[in-house]
Amino acid sequence: MSSFYHQQFVNSPVYAYDRFSAHNPSAESLMYRSLSPNSQLAYQSEQRSVGWPNQGYGNNGNIGFVQHRQMGGFPLHQPSDHDQPTFGIASQEVDNSSSHLSTDSSGHVGASRNSKYSAAASAAAAAAANSPLSHGHMQSNNSRDFTSAPSRTVYLGNVPPNIEVRQLLDHVRSGVVENVRILREKMCAFISFFDEGSALLFHSDAILKRLNIDGRDIKIGWGKPIPMDPMVAAAVSNDGATRNVYLGRLNTAEKVVSQNETSEDGALVTEEKLREDLGIFGEIESVKIIAEKGIAFVHFTSIYSAIKVVSSLTSVNPYYANKKIFYGKDRCAFITKTQQHNAAQFLGLQPGMEHLVQYTDRDFISSTLLQQSAAAAAIATAAGGANNLGNRTIYLGNLPKDVKIEEICNAVRGGLLQNIKLLSDRHVCFVTFIDPTAAAQLYAMTSLHGLTIHNKRCKIGWGKHSGALSNALALAVSHGASRNIYMGNIDFDEDRNRDSPIFTQDGLRAIFEEFGEVEQINFLPERNCCFVNFTNISNAILAIDKIKAYPHFQNLKINFGKDRCGNIPRQYR
C-alpha cells in the first residue's frame, strides 16, 4: 500500500523522483522531505513570501549513519542458522563540518552560529540516507536501515537471563507476533512477526529509543529469514488466528455459574487451572481473567499453539465442551496512545482527533511511524553525532531574562513532555519529551522557522542524552498519563464560603507542590473543573495516586488531562 508520504511527494511534479536527485539531493529538497505534510505546506507558503538563504547549504555525498556500538558490534556476515544474526552498518561516518556542531560550556549541542539553517539542512541531508524516496540499492541487513526488512524475525541480544516472555513482549507494540523464542544461556531472544512490516517497525523503534530492559541496553539485529508455516498462514488468513485465545462462558464466579448454567459442580476457573489445562498445547505467555464477565484471554508464545487450542480443546478436555473458544486480538498489535499521537502529528490531524488513527489501516500507520523514526534518527545523528540517537532532550538558550516556565510551555509544541527544567540565572531551559521523534521534530521545526519568546529569538540545540524511557513510565503513558491533572465536580461557590478556600491559585499550589514543581493552574468555573500542570510527569503520577487521601478531593473526578505541548503548532495546522 502506497503511503500518503509517497503519494504526496514521490509523485509530486515539483519533487519528482530521479536517481540523481535521490543520491545527490539539494539541501533545500532534503529538509523539505524530512518534514511532515502540514509542515511542508507551511514551508511552501513561507518560501513564496521569504525565500531560502543562499548560504549554509552545502551538499556532502559522504553523509550516512555511523556505527553505533551499543546497537550492534557484531561481524558482518550472512546468518548460517536461526541463532546467528547479522548487523550490517554503513561503514562511512558522518563527515560534514556543518553536522558536527560545537558543544559549549552549557553542556549542549548548539546550532551553527554561521547560519540558522545549517543545523536543519545537515539533519535533512542525513534523513535522505534512509528516506523512502531513495529507491536505489540498499543493504538489506543494515541495522540502521529503517526502510526495508530482510526478515520478519528480530534478534535481541544482551537480554536478562531470567526474563520472561511476558516481560519481553511488554516492549512490543508494532504488530501480530507469530512466535517468540528466548535462549537464556545465550542471553538473546528472537521475535518473529507475522509480516515484515511489523518487524521493521519494532526494529526501528527499538533502535531509536535505545531499548533497555532491567538496566540492560538491548542489541537489535535481524534473525535468519524463515518461511511461515502453511497451516499458520492459512489460519491467520481464514480465521484471523493470533497467539491470543478467547474463552467465554467460564465459571469465574458463583453468579456467573448460575447465569450461564454451564457447570454442574460449579468449579471455578482460575489462572492456575487455565495454565494447567491449556499448557499442554504450548508455552503460555500470559493469562487474563475478567471475572465479572466470565471470560478469559490466554496468550501463547506462538500462533501455532493457539491454533491447536481452538481446534482441539473441546475434544481433549470435556470441561470446555460448551465454552466459547476463539481468537482474541494480539496485545502486541494494539496501537498505543503514543503511537496514535505520533501518527496524528505526522498526518496533520487536529488536537483531539488522535483516536481516529486506530481506525486507520495498520499498514498505513506502520508506514507513517517508520517515516517518522527514519527522519528522527537522521536529524538526531546529523546534529549531535551517532551517540545522540534516541535523545529526547532539547536545549533552549538565549531566553528572555524574565521568562516564565509557563511561557516556554506555551511555545513548545509537538509531543508529550516528561520534564522541563528552567535555569533562570543562565537563561536556558532543557525540555525532555516522552518520545525522541517529538524532540527531533521540535529541533527541525525551530531550526527552520525559529522559536521566539517575548520577541526574542531563542537558540536551539540538543541537551545531554536523556537515556531510554523507563519501563514504568512508558507503561503509565500508554495508559494515558501526562503531566496535566484534571479535577472535575468542584463546587466553587461552596469553596468560596470557606474560611480558607482550597480551589484557588495559592491554595492548590500549596497542596500540589508537595508532590513537585507546578507549572500552571487553570480554572474553568463554568465547567466546575480545573487543571494542574506539573513540570515533571512523574510528579503528576504521584499526585494522582496520593491526592484522594486529602478530604476535600475525595468526591472529585480526578484523572490525567491533555498536555498542551502535544498539540500541533498553530503555524503548521
Protein backbone atom coordinates (compact mmCIF):
# COMPACT_ATOMS: atom_id res chain seq x y z
CA MET A 1 0.00 0.00 0.00
CA SER A 2 1.41 3.35 -1.02
CA SER A 3 1.67 5.73 1.90
CA PHE A 4 0.41 9.29 1.90
CA TYR A 5 4.05 10.37 2.05
CA HIS A 6 4.75 8.70 -1.30
CA GLN A 7 1.54 9.94 -2.87
CA GLN A 8 2.25 13.48 -1.76
CA PHE A 9 5.93 13.78 -2.62
CA VAL A 10 7.29 10.94 -4.76
CA ASN A 11 4.60 11.59 -7.34
CA SER A 12 4.84 15.34 -6.93
CA PRO A 13 5.61 17.23 -10.16
CA VAL A 14 7.86 19.55 -8.16
CA TYR A 15 9.82 16.91 -6.26
CA ALA A 16 9.62 14.02 -8.68
CA TYR A 17 11.97 11.12 -8.05
CA ASP A 18 15.02 10.55 -10.15
CA ARG A 19 18.22 8.61 -9.45
CA PHE A 20 20.45 11.67 -9.46
CA SER A 21 18.33 13.69 -7.06
CA ALA A 22 17.98 10.70 -4.74
CA HIS A 23 21.74 10.32 -4.34
CA ASN A 24 22.73 13.97 -4.77
CA PRO A 25 19.78 15.95 -3.42
CA SER A 26 19.88 19.65 -2.74
CA ALA A 27 19.84 20.68 0.88
CA GLU A 28 16.58 22.53 0.38
CA SER A 29 14.94 19.42 -1.03
CA LEU A 30 16.32 17.26 1.79
CA MET A 31 14.99 19.48 4.53
CA TYR A 32 11.65 19.64 2.75
CA ARG A 33 11.39 15.85 2.61
CA SER A 34 12.16 15.42 6.29
CA LEU A 35 9.09 17.41 7.34
CA SER A 36 5.53 16.26 7.87
CA PRO A 37 2.94 17.06 5.16
CA ASN A 38 1.44 20.03 7.02
CA SER A 39 4.88 21.43 7.76
CA GLN A 40 5.81 21.12 4.09
CA LEU A 41 2.75 23.11 3.12
CA ALA A 42 3.75 25.73 5.68
CA TYR A 43 7.23 25.80 4.20
CA GLN A 44 5.89 26.25 0.67
CA SER A 45 3.94 29.27 1.83
CA GLU A 46 6.94 30.65 3.67
CA GLN A 47 9.23 30.05 0.70
CA ARG A 48 6.96 32.02 -1.62
CA SER A 49 6.95 35.00 0.72
CA VAL A 50 10.52 34.93 2.05
CA GLY A 51 12.72 32.58 0.06
CA TRP A 52 15.69 30.49 1.16
CA PRO A 53 19.05 31.98 2.01
CA ASN A 54 21.92 31.34 -0.34
CA GLN A 55 24.41 30.39 2.34
CA GLY A 56 24.59 27.49 4.73
CA TYR A 57 23.52 24.67 2.42
CA GLY A 58 26.40 22.52 1.32
CA ASN A 59 25.95 19.07 -0.21
CA ASN A 60 28.02 16.21 1.04
CA GLY A 61 27.89 12.86 -0.64
CA ASN A 62 29.50 11.11 2.33
CA ILE A 63 26.58 11.56 4.70
CA GLY A 64 25.43 8.29 6.19
CA PHE A 65 24.92 6.56 9.51
CA VAL A 66 27.90 5.69 11.66
CA GLN A 67 28.30 2.52 13.66
CA HIS A 68 26.56 2.53 17.00
CA ARG A 69 28.49 0.05 19.12
CA GLN A 70 25.73 -0.26 21.65
CA MET A 71 23.31 -1.41 18.99
CA GLY A 72 25.45 -3.88 17.18
CA GLY A 73 29.15 -4.61 17.41
CA PHE A 74 28.88 -7.88 15.52
CA PRO A 75 30.64 -9.19 12.43
CA LEU A 76 29.08 -8.57 9.06
CA HIS A 77 28.15 -11.89 7.52
CA GLN A 78 25.14 -13.80 6.35
CA PRO A 79 23.49 -15.89 9.07
CA SER A 80 24.04 -19.60 8.77
CA ASP A 81 21.13 -20.52 11.05
CA HIS A 82 18.39 -19.00 13.12
CA ASP A 83 20.66 -18.17 16.03
CA GLN A 84 23.30 -16.21 14.15
CA PRO A 85 22.03 -12.74 13.27
CA THR A 86 23.92 -10.11 11.32
CA PHE A 87 24.29 -6.42 11.97
CA GLY A 88 25.07 -4.58 8.75
CA ILE A 89 26.06 -0.99 9.46
CA ALA A 90 27.17 1.59 6.96
CA SER A 91 30.94 1.94 7.17
CA GLN A 92 31.03 5.59 6.23
CA GLU A 93 30.94 8.07 9.07
CA VAL A 94 29.25 11.40 9.02
CA ASP A 95 31.92 13.80 7.93
CA ASN A 96 30.19 17.09 7.44
CA SER A 97 31.51 20.19 9.14
CA SER A 98 28.03 21.62 9.40
CA SER A 99 26.82 18.42 11.09
CA HIS A 100 29.45 18.36 13.84
CA LEU A 101 28.23 21.23 15.94
CA SER A 102 30.26 22.56 18.82
CA THR A 103 29.47 21.89 22.47
CA ASP A 104 29.89 24.88 24.72
CA SER A 105 30.14 25.18 28.49
CA SER A 106 26.39 24.85 28.85
CA GLY A 107 26.63 21.16 28.07
CA HIS A 108 24.53 21.11 24.94
CA VAL A 109 24.93 20.71 21.22
CA GLY A 110 24.03 24.08 19.78
CA ALA A 111 23.09 25.26 16.32
CA SER A 112 25.69 26.67 13.98
CA ARG A 113 26.37 30.36 14.51
CA ASN A 114 27.15 30.95 10.84
CA SER A 115 23.68 30.10 9.64
CA LYS A 116 20.48 29.43 11.47
CA TYR A 117 19.59 26.95 8.75
CA SER A 118 22.78 24.87 8.73
CA ALA A 119 21.71 22.51 11.52
CA ALA A 120 18.38 21.84 9.89
CA ALA A 121 19.98 21.39 6.49
CA SER A 122 22.51 18.86 7.74
CA ALA A 123 19.78 17.00 9.59
CA ALA A 124 17.68 16.82 6.48
CA ALA A 125 20.68 15.67 4.46
CA ALA A 126 21.19 12.73 6.76
CA ALA A 127 17.49 11.98 6.60
CA ALA A 128 17.84 11.34 2.89
CA ALA A 129 20.17 8.44 3.61
CA ASN A 130 17.22 6.43 4.87
CA SER A 131 14.40 8.24 3.13
CA PRO A 132 11.80 6.11 1.34
CA LEU A 133 12.42 8.35 -1.65
CA SER A 134 15.74 6.65 -2.31
CA HIS A 135 14.94 3.50 -4.21
CA GLY A 136 18.49 2.61 -5.11
CA HIS A 137 20.48 -0.34 -3.85
CA MET A 138 20.37 -0.70 -0.06
CA GLN A 139 21.97 -3.02 2.41
CA SER A 140 19.06 -5.19 3.42
CA ASN A 141 20.72 -6.25 6.67
CA ASN A 142 21.68 -2.73 7.78
CA SER A 143 20.59 -2.36 11.40
CA ARG A 144 20.15 1.37 10.82
CA ASP A 145 18.04 0.87 7.69
CA PHE A 146 14.51 1.97 8.57
CA THR A 147 13.11 1.32 5.08
CA SER A 148 13.45 -2.42 4.42
CA ALA A 149 13.34 -5.64 6.41
CA PRO A 150 15.43 -8.67 5.35
CA SER A 151 13.38 -10.87 7.66
CA ARG A 152 10.25 -10.93 9.79
CA THR A 153 12.38 -12.07 12.77
CA VAL A 154 14.08 -9.54 15.04
CA TYR A 155 17.08 -10.51 17.14
CA LEU A 156 17.52 -9.11 20.66
CA GLY A 157 20.87 -9.56 22.38
CA ASN A 158 22.02 -8.93 25.95
CA VAL A 159 18.57 -9.68 27.36
CA PRO A 160 18.36 -10.52 31.08
CA PRO A 161 18.93 -14.27 31.53
CA ASN A 162 15.86 -14.65 33.76
CA ILE A 163 13.47 -12.61 31.62
CA GLU A 164 10.01 -14.00 30.98
CA VAL A 165 8.25 -13.84 27.62
CA ARG A 166 5.58 -11.59 29.09
CA GLN A 167 8.20 -9.08 30.23
CA LEU A 168 9.85 -9.11 26.83
CA LEU A 169 6.62 -8.58 24.91
CA ASP A 170 5.63 -5.69 27.18
CA HIS A 171 8.02 -3.70 24.97
CA VAL A 172 6.40 -4.77 21.68
CA ARG A 173 3.54 -2.73 20.20
CA SER A 174 4.12 -3.00 16.47
CA GLY A 175 2.01 -5.87 15.14
CA VAL A 176 0.94 -9.50 15.38
CA VAL A 177 3.65 -11.76 16.79
CA GLU A 178 3.88 -15.23 15.25
CA ASN A 179 6.45 -16.75 17.61
CA VAL A 180 8.78 -15.84 20.48
CA ARG A 181 11.90 -17.73 21.44
CA ILE A 182 14.25 -16.93 24.35
CA LEU A 183 17.71 -18.53 24.56
CA ARG A 184 18.59 -17.88 28.19
CA GLU A 185 22.03 -19.48 28.07
CA LYS A 186 22.98 -17.11 25.25
CA MET A 187 21.12 -14.12 26.75
CA CYS A 188 19.27 -13.47 23.50
CA ALA A 189 15.80 -13.74 22.04
CA PHE A 190 14.08 -13.91 18.66
CA ILE A 191 10.68 -12.37 17.96
CA SER A 192 9.06 -13.48 14.71
CA PHE A 193 6.22 -11.29 13.48
CA PHE A 194 3.50 -12.29 11.06
CA ASP A 195 4.75 -9.80 8.46
CA GLU A 196 7.95 -7.92 7.72
CA GLY A 197 6.33 -4.51 8.16
CA SER A 198 5.61 -5.18 11.83
CA ALA A 199 9.13 -6.49 12.32
CA LEU A 200 10.63 -3.39 10.71
CA LEU A 201 8.53 -1.08 12.88
CA PHE A 202 9.64 -2.80 16.09
CA HIS A 203 13.26 -2.98 14.89
CA SER A 204 13.47 0.74 14.08
CA ASP A 205 11.57 1.78 17.21
CA ALA A 206 13.86 -0.30 19.46
CA ILE A 207 16.96 1.26 17.90
CA LEU A 208 15.66 4.83 18.02
CA LYS A 209 14.50 4.57 21.63
CA ARG A 210 17.52 2.54 22.72
CA LEU A 211 15.54 -0.37 24.13
CA ASN A 212 16.55 -1.02 27.72
CA ILE A 213 15.27 -3.90 29.84
CA ASP A 214 16.12 -4.14 33.54
CA GLY A 215 19.06 -1.77 33.11
CA ARG A 216 20.49 -3.65 30.12
CA ASP A 217 20.97 -1.97 26.76
CA ILE A 218 19.49 -4.39 24.25
CA LYS A 219 21.30 -5.10 20.99
CA ILE A 220 18.99 -5.14 18.00
CA GLY A 221 19.51 -7.07 14.78
CA TRP A 222 17.85 -9.37 12.27
CA GLY A 223 17.32 -13.08 12.57
CA LYS A 224 17.51 -15.53 9.69
CA PRO A 225 14.56 -15.32 7.25
CA ILE A 226 12.33 -18.34 7.82
CA PRO A 227 9.18 -19.30 5.89
CA MET A 228 5.76 -19.12 7.53
CA ASP A 229 4.17 -22.46 8.44
CA PRO A 230 1.45 -23.01 5.78
CA MET A 231 -1.06 -24.08 8.43
CA VAL A 232 -0.43 -20.90 10.43
CA ALA A 233 -0.68 -18.71 7.34
CA ALA A 234 -3.98 -20.36 6.36
CA ALA A 235 -5.45 -19.99 9.87
CA VAL A 236 -4.49 -16.31 10.03
CA SER A 237 -5.94 -15.67 6.57
CA ASN A 238 -9.17 -17.62 7.03
CA ASP A 239 -9.93 -17.31 10.76
CA GLY A 240 -7.88 -14.33 11.92
CA ALA A 241 -5.76 -16.57 14.14
CA THR A 242 -3.46 -14.94 16.72
CA ARG A 243 -1.50 -16.03 19.80
CA ASN A 244 -4.44 -14.96 21.94
CA VAL A 245 -7.19 -17.47 22.75
CA TYR A 246 -10.54 -16.13 23.94
CA LEU A 247 -12.62 -18.30 26.29
CA GLY A 248 -16.19 -17.35 27.14
CA ARG A 249 -18.97 -18.61 29.46
CA LEU A 250 -16.40 -19.52 32.08
CA ASN A 251 -17.20 -20.26 35.72
CA THR A 252 -15.20 -17.39 37.17
CA ALA A 253 -17.66 -16.56 39.96
CA GLU A 254 -20.74 -18.12 41.52
CA LYS A 255 -23.09 -15.58 39.94
CA VAL A 256 -21.62 -16.34 36.52
CA VAL A 257 -22.19 -20.06 37.06
CA SER A 258 -25.86 -19.51 37.93
CA GLN A 259 -26.41 -17.21 34.96
CA ASN A 260 -24.75 -19.40 32.35
CA GLU A 261 -25.61 -22.78 33.89
CA THR A 262 -22.52 -24.26 32.32
CA SER A 263 -21.33 -26.49 35.12
CA GLU A 264 -23.00 -28.96 37.42
CA ASP A 265 -20.28 -28.95 40.06
CA GLY A 266 -19.73 -25.16 39.95
CA ALA A 267 -15.93 -25.44 39.79
CA LEU A 268 -14.39 -22.01 39.37
CA VAL A 269 -11.86 -21.23 36.64
CA THR A 270 -8.62 -19.79 37.96
CA GLU A 271 -5.35 -18.78 36.31
CA GLU A 272 -3.74 -21.95 37.68
CA LYS A 273 -6.46 -24.13 36.15
CA LEU A 274 -6.18 -22.44 32.75
CA ARG A 275 -2.40 -22.79 32.73
CA GLU A 276 -2.70 -26.47 33.66
CA ASP A 277 -5.43 -27.27 31.12
CA LEU A 278 -4.07 -25.24 28.20
CA GLY A 279 -0.36 -25.56 28.93
CA ILE A 280 -0.29 -28.98 27.24
CA PHE A 281 -0.70 -27.22 23.87
CA GLY A 282 2.33 -24.96 24.22
CA GLU A 283 4.09 -22.36 26.34
CA ILE A 284 1.74 -19.73 27.77
CA GLU A 285 2.84 -16.11 27.89
CA SER A 286 0.07 -14.56 29.99
CA VAL A 287 -3.44 -15.21 31.33
CA LYS A 288 -6.05 -12.52 31.94
CA ILE A 289 -9.40 -13.37 33.56
CA ILE A 290 -12.30 -10.90 33.62
CA ALA A 291 -14.37 -12.48 36.38
CA GLU A 292 -17.43 -10.22 36.16
CA LYS A 293 -17.91 -11.16 32.50
CA GLY A 294 -16.97 -14.81 32.80
CA ILE A 295 -14.29 -14.60 30.11
CA ALA A 296 -10.53 -15.06 29.87
CA PHE A 297 -7.72 -14.38 27.41
CA VAL A 298 -4.73 -16.71 27.19
CA HIS A 299 -1.73 -15.53 25.18
CA PHE A 300 0.66 -18.25 23.96
CA THR A 301 4.19 -17.73 22.74
CA SER A 302 3.21 -18.87 19.24
CA ILE A 303 0.19 -18.75 16.94
CA TYR A 304 0.62 -22.47 16.26
CA SER A 305 -0.13 -23.31 19.90
CA ALA A 306 -3.23 -21.13 19.87
CA ILE A 307 -4.48 -22.86 16.72
CA LYS A 308 -4.21 -26.25 18.44
CA VAL A 309 -6.22 -24.96 21.40
CA VAL A 310 -9.04 -23.55 19.29
CA SER A 311 -9.26 -26.65 17.10
CA SER A 312 -8.99 -29.40 19.72
CA LEU A 313 -9.51 -28.16 23.30
CA THR A 314 -13.17 -29.21 23.47
CA SER A 315 -12.37 -32.74 22.32
CA VAL A 316 -9.36 -33.10 24.63
CA ASN A 317 -10.99 -31.65 27.75
CA PRO A 318 -14.79 -32.14 28.15
CA TYR A 319 -14.90 -29.37 30.74
CA TYR A 320 -14.67 -26.85 27.86
CA ALA A 321 -17.24 -28.59 25.65
CA ASN A 322 -19.86 -25.86 26.00
CA LYS A 323 -17.50 -22.90 26.31
CA LYS A 324 -16.94 -20.23 23.69
CA ILE A 325 -13.43 -20.60 22.27
CA PHE A 326 -11.92 -18.48 19.54
CA TYR A 327 -9.13 -15.97 18.84
CA GLY A 328 -8.67 -12.62 20.54
CA LYS A 329 -6.54 -9.69 19.44
CA ASP A 330 -2.79 -9.96 19.96
CA ARG A 331 -1.86 -7.46 22.66
CA CYS A 332 1.31 -6.60 20.72
CA ALA A 333 -0.83 -5.32 17.84
CA PHE A 334 -2.68 -2.66 19.84
CA ILE A 335 -1.91 0.89 18.76
CA THR A 336 -0.77 2.78 21.86
CA LYS A 337 -1.80 6.34 22.63
CA THR A 338 1.77 7.48 21.99
CA GLN A 339 1.71 5.86 18.55
CA GLN A 340 -1.68 7.43 17.84
CA HIS A 341 -0.32 10.81 18.82
CA ASN A 342 2.83 10.47 16.69
CA ALA A 343 0.89 9.31 13.64
CA ALA A 344 -1.68 12.08 14.10
CA GLN A 345 1.11 14.66 14.29
CA PHE A 346 2.67 13.40 11.07
CA LEU A 347 -0.67 13.20 9.27
CA GLY A 348 -1.63 16.68 10.45
CA LEU A 349 -4.75 15.71 12.43
CA GLN A 350 -6.13 18.38 14.71
CA PRO A 351 -5.78 18.06 18.52
CA GLY A 352 -8.36 15.70 19.98
CA MET A 353 -8.62 13.67 16.77
CA GLU A 354 -5.80 11.22 17.58
CA HIS A 355 -8.29 8.44 18.30
CA LEU A 356 -9.22 8.33 14.61
CA VAL A 357 -5.83 6.79 13.91
CA GLN A 358 -6.83 3.50 15.50
CA TYR A 359 -9.44 3.02 12.78
CA THR A 360 -6.86 3.53 10.03
CA ASP A 361 -5.23 0.68 8.14
CA ARG A 362 -2.45 -0.84 10.25
CA ASP A 363 -0.02 -0.92 7.31
CA PHE A 364 -0.57 2.77 6.72
CA ILE A 365 0.10 3.58 10.38
CA SER A 366 3.25 1.44 10.33
CA SER A 367 4.47 3.25 7.25
CA THR A 368 3.81 6.61 8.89
CA LEU A 369 5.64 5.67 12.10
CA LEU A 370 8.58 4.27 10.12
CA GLN A 371 8.96 7.51 8.20
CA GLN A 372 8.95 9.39 11.49
CA SER A 373 11.57 7.08 13.00
CA ALA A 374 13.85 7.44 9.98
CA ALA A 375 13.61 11.22 10.00
CA ALA A 376 14.08 11.45 13.78
CA ALA A 377 17.16 9.22 13.70
CA ALA A 378 18.67 11.23 10.86
CA ILE A 379 18.05 14.60 12.50
CA ALA A 380 19.45 13.50 15.87
CA THR A 381 22.60 11.85 14.48
CA ALA A 382 23.35 14.57 11.94
CA ALA A 383 23.23 17.34 14.52
CA GLY A 384 24.71 15.53 17.54
CA GLY A 385 26.60 12.51 16.23
CA ALA A 386 25.85 8.82 16.47
CA ASN A 387 25.63 8.85 20.24
CA ASN A 388 22.78 11.36 20.03
CA LEU A 389 20.47 8.71 18.57
CA GLY A 390 17.31 8.46 20.65
CA ASN A 391 17.95 11.68 22.58
CA ARG A 392 14.75 13.18 23.96
CA THR A 393 16.17 16.39 25.44
CA ILE A 394 16.20 19.73 23.62
CA TYR A 395 18.23 22.76 24.75
CA LEU A 396 16.78 26.25 24.53
CA GLY A 397 19.15 29.15 25.05
CA ASN A 398 19.16 32.95 24.84
CA LEU A 399 15.85 33.09 26.71
CA PRO A 400 14.42 36.42 27.92
CA LYS A 401 15.53 37.34 31.43
CA ASP A 402 12.03 37.44 32.89
CA VAL A 403 10.65 34.41 31.06
CA LYS A 404 8.40 32.04 32.98
CA ILE A 405 8.31 28.30 32.56
CA GLU A 406 4.62 28.60 31.67
CA GLU A 407 5.53 30.83 28.70
CA ILE A 408 8.06 28.31 27.45
CA CYS A 409 5.46 25.55 27.60
CA ASN A 410 3.13 27.78 25.60
CA ALA A 411 5.76 27.94 22.85
CA VAL A 412 6.85 24.28 22.84
CA ARG A 413 4.69 22.01 20.70
CA GLY A 414 4.87 18.60 19.08
CA GLY A 415 4.88 15.96 21.82
CA LEU A 416 4.17 14.96 25.40
CA LEU A 417 6.74 16.21 27.90
CA GLN A 418 8.48 14.15 30.52
CA ASN A 419 10.19 17.08 32.16
CA ILE A 420 11.01 20.75 31.62
CA LYS A 421 13.74 22.49 33.61
CA LEU A 422 14.35 26.24 33.52
CA LEU A 423 17.70 27.66 34.68
CA SER A 424 16.73 31.30 35.11
CA ASP A 425 20.19 32.52 36.13
CA ARG A 426 21.66 31.15 32.89
CA HIS A 427 18.64 31.97 30.70
CA VAL A 428 18.47 28.41 29.38
CA CYS A 429 15.93 25.62 29.51
CA PHE A 430 16.03 21.87 28.93
CA VAL A 431 12.92 20.20 27.54
CA THR A 432 12.71 16.38 27.71
CA PHE A 433 10.00 14.69 25.66
CA ILE A 434 8.47 11.27 26.17
CA ASP A 435 9.30 10.25 22.61
CA PRO A 436 12.53 11.02 20.68
CA THR A 437 10.56 11.69 17.49
CA ALA A 438 8.91 14.66 19.18
CA ALA A 439 12.30 16.04 20.19
CA ALA A 440 13.62 15.66 16.65
CA GLN A 441 10.52 17.35 15.25
CA LEU A 442 10.87 20.34 17.57
CA TYR A 443 14.57 20.63 16.67
CA ALA A 444 13.85 20.53 12.93
CA MET A 445 10.93 22.94 13.09
CA THR A 446 12.66 25.52 15.27
CA SER A 447 15.79 25.29 13.13
CA LEU A 448 13.65 26.08 10.11
CA HIS A 449 11.10 28.54 11.49
CA GLY A 450 12.80 29.73 14.67
CA LEU A 451 11.39 29.96 18.19
CA THR A 452 10.54 33.39 19.54
CA ILE A 453 9.56 34.25 23.11
CA HIS A 454 8.94 37.87 24.15
CA ASN A 455 10.07 38.94 20.65
CA LYS A 456 13.46 37.37 21.29
CA ARG A 457 14.76 34.57 19.08
CA CYS A 458 15.93 31.58 21.12
CA LYS A 459 18.82 29.26 20.41
CA ILE A 460 18.08 25.59 19.75
CA GLY A 461 20.30 22.58 20.38
CA TRP A 462 20.49 19.13 21.91
CA GLY A 463 20.82 18.64 25.65
CA LYS A 464 22.61 15.82 27.42
CA HIS A 465 21.29 12.45 26.27
CA SER A 466 18.18 11.60 28.24
CA GLY A 467 18.64 7.83 28.01
CA ALA A 468 15.84 5.34 27.48
CA LEU A 469 12.40 5.99 28.93
CA SER A 470 11.84 3.82 31.98
CA ASN A 471 9.52 0.84 31.58
CA ALA A 472 7.24 2.03 34.39
CA LEU A 473 6.86 5.49 32.87
CA ALA A 474 6.29 4.09 29.36
CA LEU A 475 3.52 1.88 30.75
CA ALA A 476 1.93 4.82 32.58
CA VAL A 477 1.97 6.95 29.41
CA SER A 478 0.39 4.11 27.42
CA HIS A 479 -2.49 4.24 29.92
CA GLY A 480 -2.97 7.98 29.45
CA ALA A 481 -0.58 9.55 31.97
CA SER A 482 0.59 13.11 31.35
CA ARG A 483 1.93 15.98 33.44
CA ASN A 484 -1.55 17.56 33.46
CA ILE A 485 -4.13 16.64 36.13
CA TYR A 486 -7.84 17.22 35.61
CA MET A 487 -10.18 17.74 38.56
CA GLY A 488 -13.92 17.93 37.99
CA ASN A 489 -17.13 18.17 40.01
CA ILE A 490 -15.75 21.13 42.00
CA ASP A 491 -18.25 23.32 43.90
CA PHE A 492 -16.58 26.72 43.65
CA ASP A 493 -19.45 28.50 45.45
CA GLU A 494 -19.10 26.27 48.47
CA ASP A 495 -15.32 26.66 48.39
CA ARG A 496 -15.54 30.46 48.42
CA ASN A 497 -17.55 30.33 51.66
CA ARG A 498 -14.75 28.51 53.49
CA ASP A 499 -12.51 30.41 55.86
CA SER A 500 -9.54 29.19 53.83
CA PRO A 501 -10.60 28.41 50.24
CA ILE A 502 -8.88 25.41 48.68
CA PHE A 503 -9.55 25.83 44.97
CA THR A 504 -7.54 28.98 44.36
CA GLN A 505 -4.13 29.52 42.78
CA ASP A 506 -2.43 29.78 46.17
CA GLY A 507 -4.49 27.05 47.79
CA LEU A 508 -3.87 24.42 45.09
CA ARG A 509 -0.21 25.34 44.70
CA ALA A 510 0.37 24.87 48.40
CA ILE A 511 -1.12 21.37 48.20
CA PHE A 512 0.22 20.11 44.87
CA GLU A 513 3.75 21.48 45.24
CA GLU A 514 4.19 18.88 47.96
CA PHE A 515 4.45 16.42 45.04
CA GLY A 516 6.67 18.55 42.79
CA GLU A 517 7.05 21.83 40.92
CA VAL A 518 3.79 23.13 39.44
CA GLU A 519 4.00 24.85 36.06
CA GLN A 520 0.48 26.21 35.66
CA ILE A 521 -3.03 26.03 37.16
CA ASN A 522 -6.08 26.79 35.03
CA PHE A 523 -9.65 27.19 36.34
CA LEU A 524 -12.88 26.69 34.38
CA PRO A 525 -15.59 27.70 36.91
CA GLU A 526 -18.35 27.44 34.30
CA ARG A 527 -17.50 23.74 33.94
CA ASN A 528 -16.73 23.16 37.62
CA CYS A 529 -13.22 21.94 36.90
CA CYS A 530 -9.57 22.94 36.92
CA PHE A 531 -6.24 21.69 35.58
CA VAL A 532 -2.92 21.44 37.41
CA ASN A 533 0.17 21.15 35.19
CA PHE A 534 3.43 19.87 36.66
CA THR A 535 6.88 20.36 35.18
CA ASN A 536 7.56 16.63 35.53
CA ILE A 537 5.20 13.83 34.55
CA SER A 538 6.42 11.64 37.43
CA ASN A 539 5.20 14.23 39.91
CA ALA A 540 1.78 14.24 38.26
CA ILE A 541 1.57 10.45 38.52
CA LEU A 542 2.49 10.66 42.21
CA ALA A 543 -0.13 13.35 42.81
CA ILE A 544 -2.85 11.25 41.15
CA ASP A 545 -2.00 8.37 43.49
CA LYS A 546 -1.95 10.46 46.68
CA ILE A 547 -4.42 13.33 46.28
CA LYS A 548 -7.51 11.26 47.11
CA ALA A 549 -6.20 10.97 50.66
CA TYR A 550 -7.00 14.68 51.15
CA PRO A 551 -10.59 15.17 52.42
CA HIS A 552 -11.50 17.98 50.02
CA PHE A 553 -10.58 15.86 46.96
CA GLN A 554 -12.31 12.58 47.81
CA ASN A 555 -15.54 13.33 45.94
CA LEU A 556 -13.92 14.91 42.88
CA LYS A 557 -13.40 13.40 39.44
CA ILE A 558 -9.64 13.23 39.07
CA ASN A 559 -7.77 11.99 36.03
CA PHE A 560 -4.98 12.93 33.64
CA GLY A 561 -5.63 15.78 31.23
CA LYS A 562 -4.01 16.55 27.90
CA ASP A 563 -0.52 18.01 27.76
CA ARG A 564 -0.87 21.15 25.64
CA CYS A 565 2.73 20.73 24.47
CA GLY A 566 1.48 17.75 22.47
CA ASN A 567 -0.68 19.96 20.25
CA ILE A 568 0.21 20.73 16.65
CA PRO A 569 1.94 24.12 16.30
CA ARG A 570 -0.52 26.73 15.07
CA GLN A 571 1.59 27.71 12.06
CA TYR A 572 1.69 24.09 10.84
CA ARG A 573 -2.01 23.26 11.12
